[in-house]
Amino acid sequence: MELLNVDINQAGYSGNPAVIKNVALSVKSGELVGLIGPNGAGKSTTIKAIMGLLPLMDGMVEFAGESKNYAYIPEQPVLYEGLTLWEHLELAAAAYEIERKVFVPRAEELLKLFRLAEVKHHLPGTFSKGMQQKVMLVVGFLLDPGVFVVDEPFMGLDPRGTKDFLAYLNQARAKGSGVLMCTHILDTAERICSSFILMNAGTVVARGDLKEIRERCQLPEGSLADCFDKLLEIR
């Protein structure tokens, strides 16, 4: 079942309306699609276009199911000055109309998993970058969505935080959630992703699972990084 369908003709800003162009992708139930590419390829711009955060977008973005059936975990944490960690979670729960009897145990479980329980009444603005990133992960998982849209989730996470994040993400996928993840950490992407969308210069240059990418590059034993380099040479 397809949970997210994207077909963008072009998107960008008033001074450059075509930062990205001809970007089409889909995410199915249980799938983890890796959005990869060099710096400036248009990955984060694509994520912003999908989330409706660009002033100009010509195309179509469709999420299956209810209008709030997705969670966006941005690269840069979005925190509200004056709100504690727990109040951030309460705000997210209210926005997504999560009943308190569901919210409280789910929030407590996630705070314990990401080792934030002892600071739940502290201000996240005082946290380290890694802890702030964990706050964004907790908010995203709290919503229990059909689709996760995640932009560079490993930035600032320590190895244990990365392990916890991937374990919980796999649980969500096992229950049917789909994931679109933008990342430049190719060895991790190769290990965890079902398929890949490779972008360069604002457009999609290759797509498929690792076997298909290898066939495209004529590198039957190549790593994702090897294929990545080869495809950029071809372009």
Foldseek 3Di string as FASTA:
>chain_A
DWFKWWFWQAAAAPVDGRLAGGATDIWWWLFEEEEEEDPSLCRVVVLCVLVVNGPHTDTDMDGPDDPPQEAEQEPAFDFDPPAFLLRVLVVLCVVLVPDPVLQVVLLCVLCVLQVNNVRRRPGCVPPDRQVSLSSSLSSRVSSLHQEYEYEASCVNHDPSNVVSSLVVVSVSSVVTHTYYYYHHPQVVCLVRGQKYFYGGSNYTQDIGHPCVLCVVQVNNPDGPVVSNVSSVVVD
